Amino acid sequence: MDCIKGIFKFFFILFATTAVVVGAAIAVLAFVFKKDFEELEQKTKEIVSEIEANN
């Protein structure tokens, strides 16, 4: 019985740790992609305003 409890505890800790690491990685990637998207959006607005100014 103690062996089963140990295995369950091991897998629970492994799952919890993995969930935290994956959650942190997703948060970092979301932050980086949001920053890149905002930069791309700003450049697009600049290009559109230049085209409109030339017409």
PDB file of N, CA and C in Angstrom:
ATOM      1  N   MET A   1       0.823  -1.199   0.000  1.00  0.00           N
ATOM      2  CA  MET A   1       0.000   0.000   0.000  1.00  0.00           C
ATOM      3  C   MET A   1       0.865   1.259   0.000  1.00  0.00           C
ATOM      4  N   ASP A   2       1.952   1.225   0.772  1.00  0.00           N
ATOM      5  CA  ASP A   2       2.837   2.390   0.791  1.00  0.00           C
ATOM      6  C   ASP A   2       3.470   2.635  -0.571  1.00  0.00           C
ATOM      7  N   CYS A   3       3.741   1.568  -1.305  1.00  0.00           N
ATOM      8  CA  CYS A   3       4.323   1.696  -2.641  1.00  0.00           C
ATOM      9  C   CYS A   3       3.357   2.426  -3.575  1.00  0.00           C
ATOM     10  N   ILE A   4       2.085   2.082  -3.484  1.00  0.00           N
ATOM     11  CA  ILE A   4       1.082   2.729  -4.326  1.00  0.00           C
ATOM     12  C   ILE A   4       0.949   4.200  -3.959  1.00  0.00           C
ATOM     13  N   LYS A   5       0.970   4.503  -2.671  1.00  0.00           N
ATOM     14  CA  LYS A   5       0.908   5.910  -2.236  1.00  0.00           C
ATOM     15  C   LYS A   5       2.115   6.679  -2.744  1.00  0.00           C
ATOM     16  N   GLY A   6       3.292   6.068  -2.696  1.00  0.00           N
ATOM     17  CA  GLY A   6       4.506   6.713  -3.181  1.00  0.00           C
ATOM     18  C   GLY A   6       4.459   6.993  -4.665  1.00  0.00           C
ATOM     19  N   ILE A   7       3.960   6.017  -5.424  1.00  0.00           N
ATOM     20  CA  ILE A   7       3.838   6.204  -6.873  1.00  0.00           C
ATOM     21  C   ILE A   7       2.834   7.299  -7.175  1.00  0.00           C
ATOM     22  N   PHE A   8       1.695   7.292  -6.492  1.00  0.00           N
ATOM     23  CA  PHE A   8       0.681   8.327  -6.699  1.00  0.00           C
ATOM     24  C   PHE A   8       1.240   9.709  -6.363  1.00  0.00           C
ATOM     25  N   LYS A   9       1.944   9.809  -5.249  1.00  0.00           N
ATOM     26  CA  LYS A   9       2.519  11.086  -4.834  1.00  0.00           C
ATOM     27  C   LYS A   9       3.545  11.567  -5.859  1.00  0.00           C
ATOM     28  N   PHE A  10       4.382  10.646  -6.355  1.00  0.00           N
ATOM     29  CA  PHE A  10       5.386  10.994  -7.358  1.00  0.00           C
ATOM     30  C   PHE A  10       4.721  11.561  -8.612  1.00  0.00           C
ATOM     31  N   PHE A  11       3.700  10.852  -9.129  1.00  0.00           N
ATOM     32  CA  PHE A  11       3.039  11.315 -10.350  1.00  0.00           C
ATOM     33  C   PHE A  11       2.273  12.608 -10.122  1.00  0.00           C
ATOM     34  N   PHE A  12       1.701  12.794  -8.948  1.00  0.00           N
ATOM     35  CA  PHE A  12       1.005  14.038  -8.652  1.00  0.00           C
ATOM     36  C   PHE A  12       1.979  15.215  -8.636  1.00  0.00           C
ATOM     37  N   ILE A  13       3.126  15.047  -7.989  1.00  0.00           N
ATOM     38  CA  ILE A  13       4.138  16.109  -7.950  1.00  0.00           C
ATOM     39  C   ILE A  13       4.682  16.379  -9.349  1.00  0.00           C
ATOM     40  N   LEU A  14       4.912  15.309 -10.110  1.00  0.00           N
ATOM     41  CA  LEU A  14       5.390  15.465 -11.484  1.00  0.00           C
ATOM     42  C   LEU A  14       4.375  16.228 -12.330  1.00  0.00           C
ATOM     43  N   PHE A  15       3.096  15.874 -12.198  1.00  0.00           N
ATOM     44  CA  PHE A  15       2.050  16.558 -12.953  1.00  0.00           C
ATOM     45  C   PHE A  15       1.948  18.028 -12.549  1.00  0.00           C
ATOM     46  N   ALA A  16       1.978  18.300 -11.248  1.00  0.00           N
ATOM     47  CA  ALA A  16       1.877  19.686 -10.766  1.00  0.00           C
ATOM     48  C   ALA A  16       3.055  20.519 -11.260  1.00  0.00           C
ATOM     49  N   THR A  17       4.244  19.965 -11.186  1.00  0.00           N
ATOM     50  CA  THR A  17       5.434  20.690 -11.650  1.00  0.00           C
ATOM     51  C   THR A  17       5.360  20.952 -13.147  1.00  0.00           C
ATOM     52  N   THR A  18       4.950  19.944 -13.899  1.00  0.00           N
ATOM     53  CA  THR A  18       4.833  20.102 -15.346  1.00  0.00           C
ATOM     54  C   THR A  18       3.790  21.168 -15.693  1.00  0.00           C
ATOM     55  N   ALA A  19       2.674  21.166 -14.988  1.00  0.00           N
ATOM     56  CA  ALA A  19       1.628  22.154 -15.251  1.00  0.00           C
ATOM     57  C   ALA A  19       2.127  23.569 -14.987  1.00  0.00           C
ATOM     58  N   VAL A  20       2.890  23.754 -13.932  1.00  0.00           N
ATOM     59  CA  VAL A  20       3.430  25.083 -13.615  1.00  0.00           C
ATOM     60  C   VAL A  20       4.426  25.522 -14.681  1.00  0.00           C
ATOM     61  N   VAL A  21       5.309  24.622 -15.082  1.00  0.00           N
ATOM     62  CA  VAL A  21       6.323  24.966 -16.091  1.00  0.00           C
ATOM     63  C   VAL A  21       5.669  25.281 -17.435  1.00  0.00           C
ATOM     64  N   VAL A  22       4.711  24.466 -17.838  1.00  0.00           N
ATOM     65  CA  VAL A  22       4.026  24.707 -19.110  1.00  0.00           C
ATOM     66  C   VAL A  22       3.234  26.015 -19.050  1.00  0.00           C
ATOM     67  N   GLY A  23       2.578  26.277 -17.942  1.00  0.00           N
ATOM     68  CA  GLY A  23       1.842  27.536 -17.792  1.00  0.00           C
ATOM     69  C   GLY A  23       2.752  28.745 -17.878  1.00  0.00           C
ATOM     70  N   ALA A  24       3.908  28.670 -17.250  1.00  0.00           N
ATOM     71  CA  ALA A  24       4.866  29.779 -17.308  1.00  0.00           C
ATOM     72  C   ALA A  24       5.385  29.966 -18.725  1.00  0.00           C
ATOM     73  N   ALA A  25       5.664  28.876 -19.410  1.00  0.00           N
ATOM     74  CA  ALA A  25       6.149  28.968 -20.788  1.00  0.00           C
ATOM     75  C   ALA A  25       5.104  29.596 -21.701  1.00  0.00           C
ATOM     76  N   ILE A  26       3.853  29.224 -21.526  1.00  0.00           N
ATOM     77  CA  ILE A  26       2.780  29.806 -22.336  1.00  0.00           C
ATOM     78  C   ILE A  26       2.645  31.298 -22.061  1.00  0.00           C
ATOM     79  N   ALA A  27       2.768  31.689 -20.799  1.00  0.00           N
ATOM     80  CA  ALA A  27       2.669  33.110 -20.455  1.00  0.00           C
ATOM     81  C   ALA A  27       3.804  33.907 -21.088  1.00  0.00           C
ATOM     82  N   VAL A  28       5.009  33.371 -21.051  1.00  0.00           N
ATOM     83  CA  VAL A  28       6.161  34.067 -21.653  1.00  0.00           C
ATOM     84  C   VAL A  28       5.982  34.176 -23.160  1.00  0.00           C
ATOM     85  N   LEU A  29       5.573  33.086 -23.807  1.00  0.00           N
ATOM     86  CA  LEU A  29       5.367  33.130 -25.254  1.00  0.00           C
ATOM     87  C   LEU A  29       4.262  34.110 -25.631  1.00  0.00           C
ATOM     88  N   ALA A  30       3.194  34.137 -24.863  1.00  0.00           N
ATOM     89  CA  ALA A  30       2.103  35.071 -25.150  1.00  0.00           C
ATOM     90  C   ALA A  30       2.589  36.508 -25.037  1.00  0.00           C
ATOM     91  N   PHE A  31       3.412  36.793 -24.035  1.00  0.00           N
ATOM     92  CA  PHE A  31       3.943  38.145 -23.864  1.00  0.00           C
ATOM     93  C   PHE A  31       4.833  38.529 -25.037  1.00  0.00           C
ATOM     94  N   VAL A  32       5.704  37.619 -25.459  1.00  0.00           N
ATOM     95  CA  VAL A  32       6.623  37.903 -26.565  1.00  0.00           C
ATOM     96  C   VAL A  32       5.842  38.106 -27.862  1.00  0.00           C
ATOM     97  N   PHE A  33       4.887  37.213 -28.143  1.00  0.00           N
ATOM     98  CA  PHE A  33       4.115  37.352 -29.374  1.00  0.00           C
ATOM     99  C   PHE A  33       3.257  38.604 -29.366  1.00  0.00           C
ATOM    100  N   LYS A  34       2.734  38.984 -28.206  1.00  0.00           N
ATOM    101  CA  LYS A  34       1.935  40.211 -28.131  1.00  0.00           C
ATOM    102  C   LYS A  34       2.801  41.416 -28.455  1.00  0.00           C
ATOM    103  N   LYS A  35       4.012  41.432 -27.926  1.00  0.00           N
ATOM    104  CA  LYS A  35       4.943  42.531 -28.190  1.00  0.00           C
ATOM    105  C   LYS A  35       5.276  42.597 -29.681  1.00  0.00           C
ATOM    106  N   ASP A  36       5.561  41.448 -30.289  1.00  0.00           N
ATOM    107  CA  ASP A  36       5.863  41.409 -31.722  1.00  0.00           C
ATOM    108  C   ASP A  36       4.657  41.836 -32.548  1.00  0.00           C
ATOM    109  N   PHE A  37       3.465  41.400 -32.164  1.00  0.00           N
ATOM    110  CA  PHE A  37       2.261  41.755 -32.903  1.00  0.00           C
ATOM    111  C   PHE A  37       2.012  43.254 -32.842  1.00  0.00           C
ATOM    112  N   GLU A  38       2.207  43.864 -31.662  1.00  0.00           N
ATOM    113  CA  GLU A  38       2.010  45.302 -31.534  1.00  0.00           C
ATOM    114  C   GLU A  38       3.005  46.062 -32.407  1.00  0.00           C
ATOM    115  N   GLU A  39       4.246  45.579 -32.486  1.00  0.00           N
ATOM    116  CA  GLU A  39       5.257  46.219 -33.334  1.00  0.00           C
ATOM    117  C   GLU A  39       4.870  46.101 -34.805  1.00  0.00           C
ATOM    118  N   LEU A  40       4.401  44.925 -35.208  1.00  0.00           N
ATOM    119  CA  LEU A  40       3.962  44.711 -36.582  1.00  0.00           C
ATOM    120  C   LEU A  40       2.754  45.589 -36.910  1.00  0.00           C
ATOM    121  N   GLU A  41       1.833  45.706 -35.971  1.00  0.00           N
ATOM    122  CA  GLU A  41       0.656  46.544 -36.184  1.00  0.00           C
ATOM    123  C   GLU A  41       1.053  48.013 -36.361  1.00  0.00           C
ATOM    124  N   GLN A  42       2.002  48.480 -35.573  1.00  0.00           N
ATOM    125  CA  GLN A  42       2.464  49.869 -35.676  1.00  0.00           C
ATOM    126  C   GLN A  42       3.127  50.116 -37.033  1.00  0.00           C
ATOM    127  N   LYS A  43       3.960  49.185 -37.484  1.00  0.00           N
ATOM    128  CA  LYS A  43       4.613  49.342 -38.787  1.00  0.00           C
ATOM    129  C   LYS A  43       3.582  49.342 -39.914  1.00  0.00           C
ATOM    130  N   THR A  44       2.565  48.502 -39.791  1.00  0.00           N
ATOM    131  CA  THR A  44       1.507  48.456 -40.802  1.00  0.00           C
ATOM    132  C   THR A  44       0.760  49.783 -40.865  1.00  0.00           C
ATOM    133  N   LYS A  45       0.478  50.356 -39.719  1.00  0.00           N
ATOM    134  CA  LYS A  45      -0.206  51.656 -39.689  1.00  0.00           C
ATOM    135  C   LYS A  45       0.655  52.734 -40.333  1.00  0.00           C
ATOM    136  N   GLU A  46       1.961  52.696 -40.088  1.00  0.00           N
ATOM    137  CA  GLU A  46       2.859  53.675 -40.700  1.00  0.00           C
ATOM    138  C   GLU A  46       2.866  53.534 -42.220  1.00  0.00           C
ATOM    139  N   ILE A  47       2.924  52.306 -42.721  1.00  0.00           N
ATOM    140  CA  ILE A  47       2.936  52.080 -44.164  1.00  0.00           C
ATOM    141  C   ILE A  47       1.629  52.546 -44.790  1.00  0.00           C
ATOM    142  N   VAL A  48       0.509  52.244 -44.133  1.00  0.00           N
ATOM    143  CA  VAL A  48      -0.792  52.663 -44.662  1.00  0.00           C
ATOM    144  C   VAL A  48      -0.895  54.184 -44.683  1.00  0.00           C
ATOM    145  N   SER A  49      -0.415  54.847 -43.643  1.00  0.00           N
ATOM    146  CA  SER A  49      -0.485  56.318 -43.621  1.00  0.00           C
ATOM    147  C   SER A  49       0.417  56.934 -44.683  1.00  0.00           C
ATOM    148  N   GLU A  50       1.576  56.312 -44.967  1.00  0.00           N
ATOM    149  CA  GLU A  50       2.435  56.807 -46.030  1.00  0.00           C
ATOM    150  C   GLU A  50       1.766  56.659 -47.394  1.00  0.00           C
ATOM    151  N   ILE A  51       1.111  55.514 -47.606  1.00  0.00           N
ATOM    152  CA  ILE A  51       0.427  55.290 -48.890  1.00  0.00           C
ATOM    153  C   ILE A  51      -0.714  56.283 -49.052  1.00  0.00           C
ATOM    154  N   GLU A  52      -1.467  56.525 -47.981  1.00  0.00           N
ATOM    155  CA  GLU A  52      -2.577  57.475 -48.054  1.00  0.00           C
ATOM    156  C   GLU A  52      -2.064  58.893 -48.287  1.00  0.00           C
ATOM    157  N   ALA A  53      -0.912  59.231 -47.717  1.00  0.00           N
ATOM    158  CA  ALA A  53      -0.364  60.576 -47.893  1.00  0.00           C
ATOM    159  C   ALA A  53       0.101  60.784 -49.341  1.00  0.00           C
ATOM    160  N   ASN A  54       0.563  59.739 -49.990  1.00  0.00           N
ATOM    161  CA  ASN A  54       1.034  59.859 -51.374  1.00  0.00           C
ATOM    162  C   ASN A  54      -0.107  59.906 -52.374  1.00  0.00           C
ATOM    163  N   ASN A  55      -1.285  59.490 -51.986  1.00  0.00           N
ATOM    164  CA  ASN A  55      -2.419  59.486 -52.927  1.00  0.00           C
ATOM    165  C   ASN A  55      -3.205  60.712 -52.795  1.00  0.00           C
TER     166      ASN A  55
END
